[in-house]
């Protein structure tokens, strides 16, 4: 199942990279005037003349432009985790491993939809005029969801490695693939 999940992610990655430019035909030149407009000092420190409302507006505009990529990202993460749930009724080495597999799989699969709902909730609240505090308040659930997802994914990886010890002996036999291909002389 884990291999199928990684193959799924690789296919999604290839779909999104299909039209990726491979050459360096486009050059972006950053002039000195642009660097001065960024208000960076000699040690790359921000100067205190940055307008907090401008930063808030920048964050809100960035938030509006990430809706579709965020939905795609969390949708793929959910599908990746849901593939592991296809092993729900498989035979595991112990009931404890089965419960852990199901728990980690459900937790990892639930983070994606939860993040999508949180994103749309935050954007809806921000459109009502509460933009100033919304990005600060979003940090706590985002960090919590990230921790849950990280622990769940790590738990599934550990269980995958742990399950190698209880595999049937036939899994480790070398397959003579030439027996399956026709031979022409």
N, C-alpha and C. Protein backbone atom coordinates (compact mmCIF):
# COMPACT_ATOMS: atom_id res chain seq x y z
N UNK A 1 0.81 -1.19 0.00
CA UNK A 1 0.00 0.00 0.00
C UNK A 1 0.86 1.26 0.00
N UNK A 2 1.90 1.24 0.80
CA UNK A 2 2.76 2.42 0.87
C UNK A 2 3.39 2.71 -0.49
N UNK A 3 3.80 1.66 -1.19
CA UNK A 3 4.39 1.85 -2.51
C UNK A 3 3.37 2.45 -3.47
N UNK A 4 2.14 1.96 -3.41
CA UNK A 4 1.09 2.52 -4.26
C UNK A 4 0.84 4.00 -3.94
N UNK A 5 0.92 4.36 -2.68
CA UNK A 5 0.72 5.76 -2.29
C UNK A 5 1.83 6.63 -2.86
N UNK A 6 3.07 6.15 -2.82
CA UNK A 6 4.17 6.94 -3.37
C UNK A 6 4.10 7.02 -4.89
N UNK A 7 3.65 5.96 -5.53
CA UNK A 7 3.47 5.99 -6.99
C UNK A 7 2.39 7.01 -7.35
N UNK A 8 1.32 7.04 -6.59
CA UNK A 8 0.25 8.03 -6.81
C UNK A 8 0.80 9.45 -6.72
N UNK A 9 1.59 9.73 -5.69
CA UNK A 9 2.17 11.07 -5.54
C UNK A 9 3.13 11.39 -6.68
N UNK A 10 3.89 10.41 -7.13
CA UNK A 10 4.80 10.65 -8.25
C UNK A 10 4.03 10.98 -9.51
N UNK A 11 2.92 10.28 -9.75
CA UNK A 11 2.10 10.57 -10.92
C UNK A 11 1.51 11.98 -10.85
N UNK A 12 1.04 12.38 -9.69
CA UNK A 12 0.51 13.74 -9.53
C UNK A 12 1.62 14.75 -9.78
N UNK A 13 2.80 14.49 -9.27
CA UNK A 13 3.92 15.39 -9.48
C UNK A 13 4.25 15.51 -10.97
N UNK A 14 4.25 14.41 -11.70
CA UNK A 14 4.53 14.45 -13.13
C UNK A 14 3.47 15.23 -13.88
N UNK A 15 2.21 15.10 -13.47
CA UNK A 15 1.14 15.86 -14.11
C UNK A 15 1.37 17.36 -13.95
N UNK A 16 1.74 17.80 -12.76
CA UNK A 16 1.95 19.22 -12.53
C UNK A 16 3.26 19.72 -13.13
N UNK A 17 4.22 18.86 -13.37
CA UNK A 17 5.49 19.27 -13.95
C UNK A 17 5.50 19.12 -15.47
N UNK A 18 4.42 18.68 -16.05
CA UNK A 18 4.38 18.39 -17.48
C UNK A 18 4.78 19.61 -18.31
N UNK A 19 4.26 20.79 -17.95
CA UNK A 19 4.53 22.00 -18.71
C UNK A 19 5.57 22.88 -18.03
N UNK A 20 6.36 22.30 -17.18
CA UNK A 20 7.41 23.06 -16.49
C UNK A 20 8.47 23.48 -17.51
N UNK A 21 8.85 24.75 -17.50
CA UNK A 21 9.90 25.17 -18.44
C UNK A 21 11.25 24.58 -18.04
N UNK A 22 11.96 24.05 -19.00
CA UNK A 22 13.24 23.43 -18.72
C UNK A 22 14.42 24.31 -19.09
N UNK A 23 14.22 25.26 -19.97
CA UNK A 23 15.29 26.15 -20.37
C UNK A 23 15.30 27.41 -19.53
N UNK A 24 16.29 28.22 -19.74
CA UNK A 24 16.40 29.48 -19.03
C UNK A 24 16.15 30.59 -20.04
N UNK A 25 14.95 30.60 -20.61
CA UNK A 25 14.62 31.61 -21.59
C UNK A 25 14.12 32.90 -20.96
N UNK A 26 13.68 32.84 -19.71
CA UNK A 26 13.12 34.02 -19.05
C UNK A 26 14.08 34.48 -17.95
N UNK A 27 14.49 35.74 -18.03
CA UNK A 27 15.42 36.29 -17.07
C UNK A 27 14.70 37.38 -16.28
N UNK A 28 14.85 37.37 -14.97
CA UNK A 28 14.31 38.41 -14.12
C UNK A 28 15.47 39.20 -13.55
N UNK A 29 15.50 40.48 -13.85
CA UNK A 29 16.58 41.34 -13.40
C UNK A 29 16.07 42.16 -12.22
N UNK A 30 16.80 42.11 -11.12
CA UNK A 30 16.46 42.89 -9.93
C UNK A 30 17.43 44.05 -9.87
N UNK A 31 16.88 45.24 -10.02
CA UNK A 31 17.74 46.43 -10.05
C UNK A 31 18.03 46.92 -8.63
N UNK A 32 18.98 47.84 -8.53
CA UNK A 32 19.31 48.42 -7.23
C UNK A 32 18.13 49.16 -6.65
N UNK A 33 17.37 49.81 -7.49
CA UNK A 33 16.21 50.56 -7.01
C UNK A 33 15.20 49.62 -6.36
N UNK A 34 15.04 48.45 -6.92
CA UNK A 34 14.12 47.46 -6.35
C UNK A 34 14.61 47.02 -4.98
N UNK A 35 15.91 46.78 -4.85
CA UNK A 35 16.47 46.36 -3.56
C UNK A 35 16.29 47.45 -2.51
N UNK A 36 16.46 48.71 -2.92
CA UNK A 36 16.27 49.80 -1.96
C UNK A 36 14.82 49.90 -1.54
N UNK A 37 13.89 49.60 -2.43
CA UNK A 37 12.47 49.67 -2.09
C UNK A 37 12.06 48.59 -1.11
N UNK A 38 12.85 47.54 -1.00
CA UNK A 38 12.52 46.47 -0.07
C UNK A 38 12.85 46.82 1.38
N UNK A 39 13.52 47.93 1.61
CA UNK A 39 13.87 48.42 2.95
C UNK A 39 14.77 47.46 3.70
N UNK A 40 15.71 46.85 3.02
CA UNK A 40 16.65 45.97 3.70
C UNK A 40 17.92 46.76 4.02
N UNK A 41 18.44 46.56 5.20
CA UNK A 41 19.68 47.21 5.58
C UNK A 41 20.87 46.42 5.09
N UNK A 42 22.03 46.80 5.56
CA UNK A 42 23.24 46.13 5.08
C UNK A 42 23.32 44.69 5.57
N UNK A 43 22.69 44.38 6.70
CA UNK A 43 22.74 43.00 7.22
C UNK A 43 21.42 42.28 6.99
N UNK A 44 20.65 42.71 6.01
CA UNK A 44 19.37 42.10 5.67
C UNK A 44 18.38 42.16 6.83
N UNK A 45 18.41 43.27 7.56
CA UNK A 45 17.42 43.46 8.63
C UNK A 45 16.35 44.39 8.11
N UNK A 46 15.12 44.13 8.56
CA UNK A 46 14.04 45.03 8.19
C UNK A 46 14.14 46.30 9.00
N UNK A 47 13.90 47.42 8.37
CA UNK A 47 13.92 48.69 9.08
C UNK A 47 12.54 48.94 9.65
N UNK A 48 12.44 49.75 10.71
CA UNK A 48 11.16 49.93 11.37
C UNK A 48 10.14 50.76 10.59
N UNK A 49 10.48 51.21 9.36
CA UNK A 49 9.53 52.04 8.63
C UNK A 49 8.54 51.24 7.79
N UNK A 50 8.45 49.92 8.01
CA UNK A 50 7.48 49.10 7.29
C UNK A 50 6.12 49.30 7.92
N UNK A 51 5.13 49.54 7.09
CA UNK A 51 3.77 49.79 7.54
C UNK A 51 3.10 48.47 7.91
N UNK A 52 2.63 48.30 9.17
CA UNK A 52 1.98 47.04 9.54
C UNK A 52 0.72 46.76 8.72
N UNK A 53 0.00 47.83 8.32
CA UNK A 53 -1.18 47.62 7.50
C UNK A 53 -0.80 47.08 6.12
N UNK A 54 0.35 47.52 5.62
CA UNK A 54 0.83 47.02 4.33
C UNK A 54 1.18 45.55 4.40
N UNK A 55 1.80 45.13 5.50
CA UNK A 55 2.13 43.71 5.69
C UNK A 55 0.84 42.90 5.81
N UNK A 56 -0.13 43.42 6.55
CA UNK A 56 -1.42 42.74 6.69
C UNK A 56 -2.11 42.60 5.34
N UNK A 57 -2.07 43.66 4.54
CA UNK A 57 -2.67 43.62 3.21
C UNK A 57 -1.95 42.62 2.32
N UNK A 58 -0.63 42.57 2.42
CA UNK A 58 0.16 41.61 1.65
C UNK A 58 -0.23 40.19 2.02
N UNK A 59 -0.33 39.89 3.32
CA UNK A 59 -0.72 38.55 3.76
C UNK A 59 -2.11 38.19 3.27
N UNK A 60 -3.04 39.15 3.29
CA UNK A 60 -4.40 38.87 2.84
C UNK A 60 -4.42 38.57 1.35
N UNK A 61 -3.66 39.33 0.56
CA UNK A 61 -3.62 39.08 -0.88
C UNK A 61 -2.95 37.76 -1.20
N UNK A 62 -1.92 37.38 -0.45
CA UNK A 62 -1.30 36.08 -0.63
C UNK A 62 -2.29 34.98 -0.27
N UNK A 63 -3.06 35.19 0.81
CA UNK A 63 -4.06 34.21 1.22
C UNK A 63 -5.11 33.97 0.15
N UNK A 64 -5.49 35.03 -0.56
CA UNK A 64 -6.50 34.87 -1.61
C UNK A 64 -5.95 34.10 -2.80
N UNK A 65 -4.66 34.19 -3.05
CA UNK A 65 -4.11 33.56 -4.24
C UNK A 65 -3.70 32.11 -4.02
N UNK A 66 -3.81 31.60 -2.81
CA UNK A 66 -3.38 30.23 -2.55
C UNK A 66 -4.54 29.26 -2.40
N UNK A 67 -5.75 29.68 -2.66
CA UNK A 67 -6.90 28.79 -2.45
C UNK A 67 -6.79 27.52 -3.27
N UNK A 68 -6.65 27.64 -4.58
CA UNK A 68 -6.63 26.47 -5.45
C UNK A 68 -5.39 25.61 -5.20
N UNK A 69 -4.16 26.19 -5.16
CA UNK A 69 -3.01 25.33 -4.86
C UNK A 69 -3.11 24.64 -3.50
N UNK A 70 -3.66 25.33 -2.51
CA UNK A 70 -3.80 24.70 -1.19
C UNK A 70 -4.78 23.55 -1.23
N UNK A 71 -5.89 23.72 -1.94
CA UNK A 71 -6.87 22.64 -2.05
C UNK A 71 -6.25 21.45 -2.77
N UNK A 72 -5.47 21.70 -3.82
CA UNK A 72 -4.80 20.61 -4.54
C UNK A 72 -3.79 19.92 -3.62
N UNK A 73 -2.99 20.72 -2.93
CA UNK A 73 -1.96 20.15 -2.04
C UNK A 73 -2.59 19.28 -0.95
N UNK A 74 -3.58 19.82 -0.25
CA UNK A 74 -4.20 19.04 0.84
C UNK A 74 -5.06 17.90 0.30
N UNK A 75 -5.60 18.07 -0.89
CA UNK A 75 -6.34 16.97 -1.51
C UNK A 75 -5.44 15.79 -1.84
N UNK A 76 -4.26 16.08 -2.39
CA UNK A 76 -3.30 15.02 -2.70
C UNK A 76 -2.79 14.37 -1.41
N UNK A 77 -2.53 15.18 -0.38
CA UNK A 77 -2.09 14.63 0.90
C UNK A 77 -3.15 13.72 1.50
N UNK A 78 -4.42 14.10 1.34
CA UNK A 78 -5.52 13.27 1.84
C UNK A 78 -5.60 11.96 1.06
N UNK A 79 -5.49 12.04 -0.26
CA UNK A 79 -5.54 10.82 -1.08
C UNK A 79 -4.35 9.91 -0.76
N UNK A 80 -3.18 10.51 -0.56
CA UNK A 80 -1.99 9.74 -0.21
C UNK A 80 -2.23 8.96 1.09
N UNK A 81 -2.79 9.63 2.09
CA UNK A 81 -3.06 8.96 3.37
C UNK A 81 -4.21 7.97 3.26
N UNK A 82 -5.19 8.29 2.43
CA UNK A 82 -6.35 7.40 2.28
C UNK A 82 -5.97 6.09 1.61
N UNK A 83 -4.94 6.11 0.76
CA UNK A 83 -4.49 4.87 0.14
C UNK A 83 -4.04 3.88 1.22
N UNK A 84 -3.43 4.38 2.27
CA UNK A 84 -3.03 3.51 3.37
C UNK A 84 -4.24 2.89 4.06
N UNK A 85 -5.37 3.57 4.03
CA UNK A 85 -6.57 3.04 4.66
C UNK A 85 -7.17 1.88 3.87
N UNK A 86 -6.72 1.67 2.64
CA UNK A 86 -7.20 0.53 1.86
C UNK A 86 -6.79 -0.79 2.52
N UNK A 87 -5.80 -0.74 3.39
CA UNK A 87 -5.37 -1.94 4.11
C UNK A 87 -6.15 -2.14 5.41
N UNK A 88 -7.30 -1.52 5.53
CA UNK A 88 -8.10 -1.54 6.75
C UNK A 88 -8.36 -2.97 7.23
N UNK A 89 -8.75 -3.85 6.33
CA UNK A 89 -9.12 -5.23 6.71
C UNK A 89 -8.01 -6.24 6.44
N UNK A 90 -6.81 -5.79 6.18
CA UNK A 90 -5.72 -6.71 5.94
C UNK A 90 -5.32 -7.41 7.23
N UNK A 91 -4.56 -8.46 7.07
CA UNK A 91 -4.06 -9.20 8.22
C UNK A 91 -2.77 -8.52 8.71
N UNK A 92 -2.76 -8.15 9.98
CA UNK A 92 -1.59 -7.51 10.57
C UNK A 92 -0.94 -8.48 11.54
N UNK A 93 0.28 -8.18 11.95
CA UNK A 93 1.03 -9.09 12.83
C UNK A 93 0.42 -9.18 14.21
N UNK A 94 -0.30 -8.14 14.64
CA UNK A 94 -0.97 -8.18 15.95
C UNK A 94 -2.14 -7.20 15.92
N UNK A 95 -3.08 -7.36 16.84
CA UNK A 95 -4.20 -6.41 16.92
C UNK A 95 -3.73 -4.99 17.24
N UNK A 96 -2.64 -4.87 18.00
CA UNK A 96 -2.12 -3.54 18.33
C UNK A 96 -1.62 -2.82 17.07
N UNK A 97 -0.94 -3.54 16.20
CA UNK A 97 -0.44 -2.95 14.96
C UNK A 97 -1.61 -2.53 14.08
N UNK A 98 -2.67 -3.36 14.04
CA UNK A 98 -3.85 -3.02 13.25
C UNK A 98 -4.50 -1.73 13.76
N UNK A 99 -4.64 -1.60 15.09
CA UNK A 99 -5.24 -0.40 15.67
C UNK A 99 -4.37 0.83 15.40
N UNK A 100 -3.05 0.67 15.54
CA UNK A 100 -2.15 1.79 15.27
C UNK A 100 -2.21 2.19 13.79
N UNK A 101 -2.21 1.21 12.89
CA UNK A 101 -2.28 1.50 11.46
C UNK A 101 -3.55 2.28 11.14
N UNK A 102 -4.67 1.81 11.64
CA UNK A 102 -5.95 2.48 11.38
C UNK A 102 -5.98 3.88 11.99
N UNK A 103 -5.47 4.02 13.20
CA UNK A 103 -5.47 5.33 13.86
C UNK A 103 -4.58 6.33 13.14
N UNK A 104 -3.36 5.91 12.82
CA UNK A 104 -2.46 6.81 12.11
C UNK A 104 -3.00 7.15 10.72
N UNK A 105 -3.56 6.16 10.04
CA UNK A 105 -4.12 6.40 8.71
C UNK A 105 -5.29 7.37 8.74
N UNK A 106 -6.20 7.18 9.70
CA UNK A 106 -7.34 8.09 9.82
C UNK A 106 -6.90 9.51 10.19
N UNK A 107 -5.96 9.62 11.12
CA UNK A 107 -5.49 10.94 11.53
C UNK A 107 -4.83 11.66 10.37
N UNK A 108 -3.97 10.97 9.64
CA UNK A 108 -3.28 11.60 8.51
C UNK A 108 -4.28 11.98 7.41
N UNK A 109 -5.28 11.13 7.17
CA UNK A 109 -6.27 11.43 6.13
C UNK A 109 -7.20 12.55 6.54
N UNK A 110 -7.41 12.75 7.83
CA UNK A 110 -8.33 13.79 8.29
C UNK A 110 -7.70 15.18 8.28
N UNK A 111 -6.39 15.27 8.29
CA UNK A 111 -5.72 16.58 8.35
C UNK A 111 -5.99 17.39 7.08
N UNK A 112 -5.96 16.76 5.91
CA UNK A 112 -6.17 17.48 4.65
C UNK A 112 -7.51 18.18 4.58
N UNK A 113 -8.62 17.46 4.75
CA UNK A 113 -9.92 18.14 4.73
C UNK A 113 -10.06 19.19 5.84
N UNK A 114 -9.46 18.92 6.99
CA UNK A 114 -9.52 19.90 8.09
C UNK A 114 -8.80 21.19 7.70
N UNK A 115 -7.65 21.06 7.05
CA UNK A 115 -6.91 22.25 6.62
C UNK A 115 -7.67 23.00 5.53
N UNK A 116 -8.31 22.28 4.62
CA UNK A 116 -9.09 22.94 3.57
C UNK A 116 -10.25 23.72 4.20
N UNK A 117 -10.95 23.09 5.14
CA UNK A 117 -12.05 23.79 5.82
C UNK A 117 -11.54 25.01 6.59
N UNK A 118 -10.41 24.86 7.26
CA UNK A 118 -9.82 25.98 7.99
C UNK A 118 -9.45 27.12 7.04
N UNK A 119 -8.87 26.78 5.90
CA UNK A 119 -8.49 27.79 4.91
C UNK A 119 -9.71 28.59 4.46
N UNK A 120 -10.78 27.90 4.09
CA UNK A 120 -11.97 28.61 3.62
C UNK A 120 -12.65 29.39 4.75
N UNK A 121 -12.60 28.86 5.96
CA UNK A 121 -13.15 29.59 7.11
C UNK A 121 -12.37 30.87 7.35
N UNK A 122 -11.05 30.78 7.32
CA UNK A 122 -10.20 31.96 7.53
C UNK A 122 -10.41 33.00 6.43
N UNK A 123 -10.52 32.55 5.19
CA UNK A 123 -10.74 33.49 4.10
C UNK A 123 -12.12 34.13 4.19
N UNK A 124 -13.13 33.37 4.63
CA UNK A 124 -14.47 33.95 4.80
C UNK A 124 -14.49 34.98 5.92
N UNK A 125 -13.79 34.69 7.01
CA UNK A 125 -13.71 35.65 8.12
C UNK A 125 -12.92 36.88 7.68
N UNK A 126 -11.86 36.66 6.91
CA UNK A 126 -11.04 37.79 6.45
C UNK A 126 -11.82 38.70 5.52
N UNK A 127 -12.73 38.13 4.71
CA UNK A 127 -13.54 38.95 3.82
C UNK A 127 -14.54 39.80 4.59
N UNK A 128 -14.85 39.39 5.81
CA UNK A 128 -15.78 40.17 6.64
C UNK A 128 -15.09 41.34 7.32
N UNK A 129 -13.80 41.48 7.14
CA UNK A 129 -13.10 42.62 7.68
C UNK A 129 -12.21 42.33 8.87
N UNK A 130 -12.11 41.10 9.29
CA UNK A 130 -11.30 40.76 10.46
C UNK A 130 -9.92 40.27 10.03
N UNK A 131 -9.35 40.94 9.05
CA UNK A 131 -8.08 40.47 8.49
C UNK A 131 -6.92 40.66 9.44
N UNK A 132 -6.98 41.61 10.32
CA UNK A 132 -5.83 41.98 11.14
C UNK A 132 -5.35 40.84 12.03
N UNK A 133 -6.24 40.13 12.65
CA UNK A 133 -5.86 39.10 13.62
C UNK A 133 -5.99 37.69 13.07
N UNK A 134 -6.57 37.54 11.89
CA UNK A 134 -6.91 36.21 11.41
C UNK A 134 -5.67 35.35 11.12
N UNK A 135 -4.60 35.94 10.61
CA UNK A 135 -3.42 35.16 10.28
C UNK A 135 -2.65 34.77 11.53
N UNK A 136 -2.74 35.60 12.57
CA UNK A 136 -2.10 35.23 13.84
C UNK A 136 -2.88 34.10 14.51
N UNK A 137 -4.20 34.16 14.45
CA UNK A 137 -5.03 33.14 15.07
C UNK A 137 -4.95 31.81 14.33
N UNK A 138 -4.62 31.84 13.05
CA UNK A 138 -4.55 30.61 12.27
C UNK A 138 -3.33 29.78 12.60
N UNK A 139 -2.33 30.38 13.21
CA UNK A 139 -1.09 29.67 13.48
C UNK A 139 -1.25 28.47 14.38
N UNK A 140 -2.06 28.58 15.41
CA UNK A 140 -2.22 27.47 16.38
C UNK A 140 -2.83 26.24 15.72
N UNK A 141 -3.98 26.34 15.01
CA UNK A 141 -4.49 25.11 14.39
C UNK A 141 -3.59 24.57 13.28
N UNK A 142 -2.94 25.45 12.54
CA UNK A 142 -2.06 24.99 11.47
C UNK A 142 -0.89 24.20 12.06
N UNK A 143 -0.31 24.69 13.13
CA UNK A 143 0.79 23.97 13.80
C UNK A 143 0.28 22.65 14.36
N UNK A 144 -0.89 22.66 14.98
CA UNK A 144 -1.44 21.42 15.54
C UNK A 144 -1.72 20.39 14.45
N UNK A 145 -2.31 20.84 13.33
CA UNK A 145 -2.56 19.91 12.22
C UNK A 145 -1.25 19.38 11.66
N UNK A 146 -0.24 20.23 11.58
CA UNK A 146 1.07 19.79 11.09
C UNK A 146 1.70 18.75 12.00
N UNK A 147 1.57 18.95 13.30
CA UNK A 147 2.13 17.99 14.26
C UNK A 147 1.39 16.66 14.15
N UNK A 148 0.06 16.70 14.07
CA UNK A 148 -0.73 15.47 13.95
C UNK A 148 -0.35 14.74 12.67
N UNK A 149 -0.25 15.47 11.56
CA UNK A 149 0.10 14.83 10.30
C UNK A 149 1.51 14.24 10.35
N UNK A 150 2.45 14.99 10.91
CA UNK A 150 3.82 14.51 11.00
C UNK A 150 3.94 13.25 11.84
N UNK A 151 3.28 13.24 12.99
CA UNK A 151 3.32 12.06 13.86
C UNK A 151 2.64 10.88 13.18
N UNK A 152 1.52 11.13 12.51
CA UNK A 152 0.80 10.05 11.84
C UNK A 152 1.62 9.45 10.70
N UNK A 153 2.23 10.31 9.88
CA UNK A 153 3.05 9.80 8.77
C UNK A 153 4.27 9.04 9.30
N UNK A 154 4.91 9.58 10.33
CA UNK A 154 6.05 8.90 10.93
C UNK A 154 5.62 7.56 11.51
N UNK A 155 4.47 7.53 12.17
CA UNK A 155 3.94 6.28 12.72
C UNK A 155 3.69 5.24 11.65
N UNK A 156 3.12 5.68 10.51
CA UNK A 156 2.88 4.74 9.42
C UNK A 156 4.19 4.21 8.83
N UNK A 157 5.19 5.07 8.72
CA UNK A 157 6.49 4.62 8.20
C UNK A 157 7.11 3.59 9.15
N UNK A 158 7.04 3.85 10.45
CA UNK A 158 7.58 2.91 11.43
C UNK A 158 6.83 1.58 11.35
N UNK A 159 5.51 1.63 11.20
CA UNK A 159 4.74 0.39 11.10
C UNK A 159 5.06 -0.37 9.81
N UNK A 160 5.32 0.35 8.73
CA UNK A 160 5.70 -0.31 7.49
C UNK A 160 7.01 -1.08 7.69
N UNK A 161 7.99 -0.42 8.28
CA UNK A 161 9.28 -1.07 8.53
C UNK A 161 9.11 -2.23 9.52
N UNK A 162 8.31 -2.02 10.55
CA UNK A 162 8.07 -3.06 11.55
C UNK A 162 7.39 -4.28 10.91
N UNK A 163 6.53 -4.04 9.93
CA UNK A 163 5.79 -5.14 9.29
C UNK A 163 6.68 -6.04 8.44
N UNK A 164 7.88 -5.58 8.09
CA UNK A 164 8.77 -6.42 7.30
C UNK A 164 9.14 -7.70 8.04
N UNK A 165 9.14 -7.68 9.36
CA UNK A 165 9.55 -8.87 10.10
C UNK A 165 8.49 -9.97 10.07
N UNK A 166 7.26 -9.62 9.76
CA UNK A 166 6.20 -10.63 9.76
C UNK A 166 5.73 -10.99 8.35
N UNK A 167 6.53 -10.65 7.35
CA UNK A 167 6.16 -10.97 5.97
C UNK A 167 6.37 -12.46 5.72
N UNK A 168 5.57 -13.06 4.84
CA UNK A 168 5.79 -14.46 4.49
C UNK A 168 7.12 -14.63 3.75
N UNK A 169 7.69 -15.80 3.84
CA UNK A 169 9.01 -16.06 3.26
C UNK A 169 9.01 -15.89 1.75
N UNK A 170 7.88 -16.13 1.09
CA UNK A 170 7.79 -16.02 -0.36
C UNK A 170 8.04 -14.60 -0.88
N UNK A 171 7.87 -13.62 -0.05
CA UNK A 171 8.10 -12.23 -0.45
C UNK A 171 9.57 -11.99 -0.75
N UNK A 172 10.44 -12.71 -0.08
CA UNK A 172 11.87 -12.48 -0.22
C UNK A 172 12.54 -13.37 -1.27
N UNK A 173 11.77 -14.20 -1.96
CA UNK A 173 12.32 -15.06 -3.00
C UNK A 173 12.56 -14.25 -4.26
N UNK A 174 13.65 -14.56 -4.96
CA UNK A 174 13.96 -13.89 -6.21
C UNK A 174 13.12 -14.47 -7.33
N UNK A 175 12.50 -13.61 -8.08
CA UNK A 175 11.65 -14.05 -9.19
C UNK A 175 12.50 -14.12 -10.45
N UNK A 176 12.41 -15.23 -11.15
CA UNK A 176 13.12 -15.38 -12.41
C UNK A 176 12.19 -14.86 -13.51
N UNK A 177 12.34 -13.58 -13.84
CA UNK A 177 11.42 -12.92 -14.77
C UNK A 177 11.52 -13.48 -16.18
N UNK A 178 12.62 -14.12 -16.52
CA UNK A 178 12.75 -14.66 -17.88
C UNK A 178 11.77 -15.79 -18.14
N UNK A 179 11.25 -16.41 -17.10
CA UNK A 179 10.24 -17.46 -17.28
C UNK A 179 8.91 -16.89 -17.74
N UNK A 180 8.70 -15.61 -17.55
CA UNK A 180 7.41 -15.01 -17.90
C UNK A 180 7.43 -14.32 -19.27
N UNK A 181 8.57 -14.21 -19.89
CA UNK A 181 8.67 -13.59 -21.22
C UNK A 181 8.90 -14.66 -22.25
N UNK A 182 8.24 -14.54 -23.39
CA UNK A 182 8.46 -15.55 -24.45
C UNK A 182 9.86 -15.41 -25.02
N UNK A 183 10.41 -16.53 -25.41
CA UNK A 183 11.77 -16.56 -25.95
C UNK A 183 11.68 -16.88 -27.44
N UNK A 184 12.27 -16.02 -28.25
CA UNK A 184 12.29 -16.23 -29.70
C UNK A 184 13.73 -16.44 -30.14
N UNK A 185 13.93 -17.42 -30.99
CA UNK A 185 15.29 -17.63 -31.51
C UNK A 185 15.31 -17.62 -33.01
